[in-house]
Amino acid sequence: MPRRRKPEPPQNHERWLITYSDLITLLMIFFVIMYAMSSINHIKFESLSQSLAAALHKSDQIPLNNTGTTALISAANPTNTGDQQKVSSMQKQNDSKLNHLYAILQSYIQSHNLSGNVSLQNQQRGVQITLKDVVLFDTGSANIRPAAQKILLGLIPFFRSLQNQIVVEGYTDNEPIDTPIYPSNWELSAGRAMGVVRFLASHGIAPQRLSGIGYGQYRPIVPNNTPQNRQMNRRVNIVILRQGIQPGTINAEPVGVAGNG
């Protein structure tokens, strides 16, 4: 008796739907990811761009052969140009005010016959007022003399007219000093500078605008080879700094007229 064939299972002609559904699912996931990537968090992006702009500087751009330089900073902070223009405009306004202050200070010094003891320079770092030590202090002392206090009081309104930083610099000649209070010219020059700082602060100049530096004998303007030259080197500078200039900047070229003598 012949064997019966086992009936063949019915074929599923809809198996393609499984592959189709998998493809549709993958496409949906792909488009969801693409959409998520295209939705930028503008707050985070702006924060990132500002952080990059602060961390990098145009001087850090990498030169490319015959193709200029990398443009990472400009791309990271598209508003950088506008900010720079605003800062530049504010700095120009402040420079203009400082130059005007120099002109009226020059007129004040001349009209009050102070040219013998006070000189003025308009420098790149700011307006520098130089006072001779003989008018300010007794020999080996950092106590401001009464006559010098009157001169400083006359300058107070000019210092109040702007909010720029003010640095007071003390200098001595190379004659050694060794006292219980001032064991070297470092201490003497610093003491004199800080004495003027304290005087200005006590008469209404905001302390946060003030700083003092003592250079001792190590920044002479002329050789210490004659009594006259040593007297020139013993001095105190009061410098009204331009915006962006830090205290301690000393190698500055004059702007326009160097001074009044």
Protein backbone atom coordinates (compact mmCIF):
# COMPACT_ATOMS: atom_id res chain seq x y z
CA MET A 1 0.00 0.00 0.00
CA PRO A 2 1.56 3.32 -1.07
CA ARG A 3 2.48 5.83 1.63
CA ARG A 4 0.49 8.93 1.86
CA ARG A 5 2.26 12.18 1.39
CA LYS A 6 2.19 14.48 4.29
CA PRO A 7 0.18 17.51 3.44
CA GLU A 8 2.42 20.52 2.84
CA PRO A 9 1.86 23.35 5.26
CA PRO A 10 0.13 26.31 3.72
CA GLN A 11 2.55 28.99 2.58
CA ASN A 12 2.35 32.41 4.25
CA HIS A 13 2.34 34.95 1.47
CA GLU A 14 2.23 37.88 3.93
CA ARG A 15 5.74 37.32 5.40
CA TRP A 16 6.92 40.42 3.56
CA LEU A 17 4.85 42.51 5.93
CA ILE A 18 7.28 41.69 8.76
CA THR A 19 10.21 43.06 6.77
CA TYR A 20 8.14 46.06 5.69
CA SER A 21 7.11 46.86 9.25
CA ASP A 22 10.75 46.60 10.40
CA LEU A 23 11.77 48.99 7.62
CA ILE A 24 9.05 51.47 8.52
CA THR A 25 10.07 51.32 12.20
CA LEU A 26 13.70 51.96 11.31
CA LEU A 27 12.75 54.88 9.07
CA MET A 28 10.61 56.37 11.81
CA ILE A 29 13.47 56.08 14.33
CA PHE A 30 15.87 57.62 11.80
CA PHE A 31 13.63 60.65 11.22
CA VAL A 32 13.04 61.10 14.96
CA ILE A 33 16.81 61.18 15.52
CA MET A 34 17.29 63.63 12.64
CA TYR A 35 14.59 65.89 14.06
CA ALA A 36 16.13 65.76 17.53
CA MET A 37 19.54 66.67 16.12
CA SER A 38 18.09 69.63 14.21
CA SER A 39 16.40 71.11 17.31
CA ILE A 40 19.18 73.24 18.90
CA ASN A 41 18.91 74.44 22.44
CA HIS A 42 19.69 78.09 21.72
CA ILE A 43 20.47 78.93 25.34
CA LYS A 44 23.03 76.14 25.63
CA PHE A 45 24.42 76.96 22.21
CA GLU A 46 24.87 80.64 23.09
CA SER A 47 26.51 79.69 26.38
CA LEU A 48 28.89 77.36 24.56
CA SER A 49 29.74 79.96 21.92
CA GLN A 50 30.47 82.62 24.54
CA SER A 51 32.66 80.20 26.48
CA LEU A 52 34.66 79.40 23.36
CA ALA A 53 35.04 83.08 22.49
CA ALA A 54 36.27 83.83 26.01
CA ALA A 55 38.71 80.95 26.02
CA LEU A 56 40.10 81.65 22.58
CA HIS A 57 41.46 84.85 21.10
CA LYS A 58 42.03 85.98 17.56
CA SER A 59 45.74 85.63 18.18
CA ASP A 60 45.11 81.89 18.58
CA GLN A 61 43.75 81.45 15.07
CA ILE A 62 45.74 78.98 13.02
CA PRO A 63 47.14 80.28 9.70
CA LEU A 64 46.35 78.06 6.74
CA ASN A 65 48.49 77.89 3.64
CA ASN A 66 47.12 80.39 1.12
CA THR A 67 43.64 80.19 2.63
CA GLY A 68 43.71 82.73 5.44
CA THR A 69 43.15 81.57 9.03
CA THR A 70 40.74 79.37 10.91
CA ALA A 71 37.43 81.11 11.61
CA LEU A 72 36.40 79.28 14.78
CA ILE A 73 35.96 82.42 16.87
CA SER A 74 33.82 84.31 14.37
CA ALA A 75 31.60 81.29 13.85
CA ALA A 76 31.30 80.57 17.56
CA ASN A 77 30.24 84.10 18.43
CA PRO A 78 28.53 85.88 15.56
CA THR A 79 27.80 88.94 17.76
CA ASN A 80 31.49 89.39 18.62
CA THR A 81 32.01 92.14 16.01
CA GLY A 82 29.16 94.21 17.40
CA ASP A 83 30.45 93.84 20.94
CA GLN A 84 33.95 94.85 19.88
CA GLN A 85 32.61 97.93 18.13
CA LYS A 86 30.66 98.91 21.25
CA VAL A 87 33.73 98.46 23.47
CA SER A 88 35.87 100.40 21.00
CA SER A 89 33.37 103.26 20.94
CA MET A 90 33.24 103.40 24.76
CA GLN A 91 37.03 103.37 24.94
CA LYS A 92 37.28 106.23 22.45
CA GLN A 93 34.82 108.26 24.52
CA ASN A 94 36.84 107.59 27.67
CA ASP A 95 40.09 108.50 25.91
CA SER A 96 38.51 111.74 24.77
CA LYS A 97 37.47 112.57 28.34
CA LEU A 98 40.95 111.71 29.60
CA ASN A 99 42.59 113.93 26.98
CA HIS A 100 40.26 116.75 28.01
CA LEU A 101 41.23 116.17 31.64
CA TYR A 102 44.88 116.44 30.65
CA ALA A 103 44.21 119.83 29.02
CA ILE A 104 42.42 121.31 32.04
CA LEU A 105 45.00 119.87 34.44
CA GLN A 106 47.75 121.51 32.42
CA SER A 107 45.92 124.82 32.62
CA TYR A 108 45.39 124.38 36.38
CA ILE A 109 49.08 123.65 37.04
CA GLN A 110 50.21 126.68 35.05
CA SER A 111 47.64 129.06 36.53
CA HIS A 112 48.55 128.03 40.10
CA ASN A 113 52.32 128.28 39.49
CA LEU A 114 52.91 124.60 40.28
CA SER A 115 55.15 123.87 37.31
CA GLY A 116 58.28 123.93 39.48
CA ASN A 117 57.09 121.02 41.60
CA VAL A 118 54.45 119.28 39.47
CA SER A 119 54.76 118.04 35.89
CA LEU A 120 52.24 116.43 33.60
CA GLN A 121 52.41 113.89 30.79
CA ASN A 122 49.75 112.48 28.49
CA GLN A 123 50.88 108.92 27.89
CA GLN A 124 49.47 105.85 26.19
CA ARG A 125 48.78 104.32 29.59
CA GLY A 126 47.07 107.46 30.92
CA VAL A 127 47.56 110.95 32.34
CA GLN A 128 50.60 111.03 34.63
CA ILE A 129 51.06 113.67 37.32
CA THR A 130 54.60 113.72 38.74
CA LEU A 131 55.34 115.39 42.08
CA LYS A 132 58.87 115.97 43.36
CA ASP A 133 59.66 114.36 46.69
CA VAL A 134 60.96 117.65 48.13
CA VAL A 135 57.48 119.14 47.94
CA LEU A 136 55.81 115.99 49.27
CA PHE A 137 58.04 114.60 52.04
CA ASP A 138 60.87 115.37 54.38
CA THR A 139 64.10 113.41 53.84
CA GLY A 140 63.67 109.73 54.71
CA SER A 141 59.99 110.22 55.59
CA ALA A 142 56.68 109.13 54.06
CA ASN A 143 54.55 111.68 55.92
CA ILE A 144 52.98 114.13 53.48
CA ARG A 145 53.95 117.71 54.24
CA PRO A 146 51.14 120.26 54.85
CA ALA A 147 52.07 122.23 51.70
CA ALA A 148 51.87 119.03 49.66
CA GLN A 149 48.46 118.22 51.15
CA LYS A 150 47.15 121.50 49.75
CA ILE A 151 48.44 120.57 46.29
CA LEU A 152 46.81 117.14 46.47
CA LEU A 153 43.53 118.63 47.70
CA GLY A 154 43.50 120.88 44.65
CA LEU A 155 43.80 117.81 42.41
CA ILE A 156 40.97 115.87 44.09
CA PRO A 157 38.15 117.36 41.91
CA PHE A 158 40.01 116.28 38.78
CA PHE A 159 40.32 112.73 40.10
CA ARG A 160 36.60 112.68 40.89
CA SER A 161 35.60 113.79 37.39
CA LEU A 162 36.35 110.32 35.95
CA GLN A 163 35.97 106.80 37.29
CA ASN A 164 39.22 105.46 35.80
CA GLN A 165 41.67 103.48 37.90
CA ILE A 166 44.41 105.50 39.63
CA VAL A 167 47.83 104.08 40.46
CA VAL A 168 50.35 105.87 42.71
CA GLU A 169 54.01 105.04 42.06
CA GLY A 170 56.84 105.77 44.49
CA TYR A 171 60.50 106.14 43.38
CA THR A 172 63.75 106.94 45.18
CA ASP A 173 67.36 107.61 44.21
CA ASN A 174 70.14 105.09 44.83
CA GLU A 175 71.31 106.57 48.13
CA PRO A 176 71.01 103.75 50.69
CA ILE A 177 68.65 104.07 53.63
CA ASP A 178 68.54 101.89 56.73
CA THR A 179 66.12 102.92 59.47
CA PRO A 180 63.84 100.89 61.77
CA ILE A 181 60.85 101.92 59.65
CA TYR A 182 62.47 101.82 56.20
CA PRO A 183 65.30 99.27 55.98
CA SER A 184 65.69 99.91 52.24
CA ASN A 185 64.51 102.13 49.42
CA TRP A 186 61.86 99.53 48.60
CA GLU A 187 60.01 100.22 51.84
CA LEU A 188 60.50 103.99 51.57
CA SER A 189 59.11 104.20 48.02
CA ALA A 190 56.20 101.89 48.87
CA GLY A 191 55.46 103.82 52.06
CA ARG A 192 55.35 107.11 50.17
CA ALA A 193 53.09 105.68 47.47
CA MET A 194 50.69 104.21 50.02
CA GLY A 195 50.72 107.45 52.00
CA VAL A 196 49.36 109.27 48.95
CA VAL A 197 46.86 106.45 48.33
CA ARG A 198 45.53 106.78 51.89
CA PHE A 199 45.31 110.56 51.55
CA LEU A 200 43.27 110.31 48.32
CA ALA A 201 40.97 107.66 49.81
CA SER A 202 40.40 109.78 52.92
CA HIS A 203 39.27 112.67 50.72
CA GLY A 204 36.58 110.92 48.72
CA ILE A 205 38.34 108.91 46.03
CA ALA A 206 36.83 105.41 45.94
CA PRO A 207 39.37 102.96 47.40
CA GLN A 208 38.62 100.38 44.71
CA ARG A 209 39.99 102.82 42.14
CA LEU A 210 43.31 103.17 43.96
CA SER A 211 46.50 101.13 44.09
CA GLY A 212 50.09 101.86 45.09
CA ILE A 213 53.44 100.55 43.85
CA GLY A 214 56.95 101.07 45.22
CA TYR A 215 59.78 100.84 42.68
CA GLY A 216 62.60 101.89 44.98
CA GLN A 217 65.74 103.03 43.16
CA TYR A 218 65.32 100.69 40.21
CA ARG A 219 63.36 102.85 37.76
CA PRO A 220 65.45 106.05 37.44
CA ILE A 221 64.62 108.54 34.72
CA VAL A 222 68.19 109.94 34.71
CA PRO A 223 71.51 108.54 36.00
CA ASN A 224 72.05 108.94 39.73
CA ASN A 225 75.41 110.68 39.18
CA THR A 226 74.67 114.21 40.44
CA PRO A 227 72.60 115.70 43.29
CA GLN A 228 70.27 117.29 40.72
CA ASN A 229 69.67 113.97 38.96
CA ARG A 230 69.07 112.15 42.23
CA GLN A 231 66.47 114.74 43.13
CA MET A 232 64.71 114.13 39.78
CA ASN A 233 64.60 110.41 40.49
CA ARG A 234 62.99 110.94 43.90
CA ARG A 235 59.40 111.38 42.84
CA VAL A 236 55.81 110.17 43.09
CA ASN A 237 53.64 109.59 40.03
CA ILE A 238 49.86 109.69 40.18
CA VAL A 239 48.60 108.05 37.00
CA ILE A 240 44.97 108.15 35.86
CA LEU A 241 44.90 105.03 33.72
CA ARG A 242 43.11 104.61 30.44
CA GLN A 243 40.49 101.88 30.29
CA GLY A 244 42.01 98.45 29.88
CA ILE A 245 45.44 99.48 31.21
CA GLN A 246 46.59 97.59 34.30
CA PRO A 247 48.57 99.06 37.21
CA GLY A 248 52.24 98.29 36.74
CA THR A 249 52.33 99.34 33.09
CA ILE A 250 55.28 101.68 32.89
CA ASN A 251 56.83 101.70 29.41
CA ALA A 252 54.38 104.03 27.75
CA GLU A 253 55.03 106.54 24.98
CA PRO A 254 53.64 110.08 25.23
CA VAL A 255 50.47 110.94 23.34
CA GLY A 256 50.64 114.32 21.62
CA VAL A 257 52.36 116.90 23.81
CA ALA A 258 54.67 115.13 26.27
CA GLY A 259 54.20 117.47 29.21
CA ASN A 260 54.57 120.93 30.63
CA GLY A 261 58.00 120.64 32.22
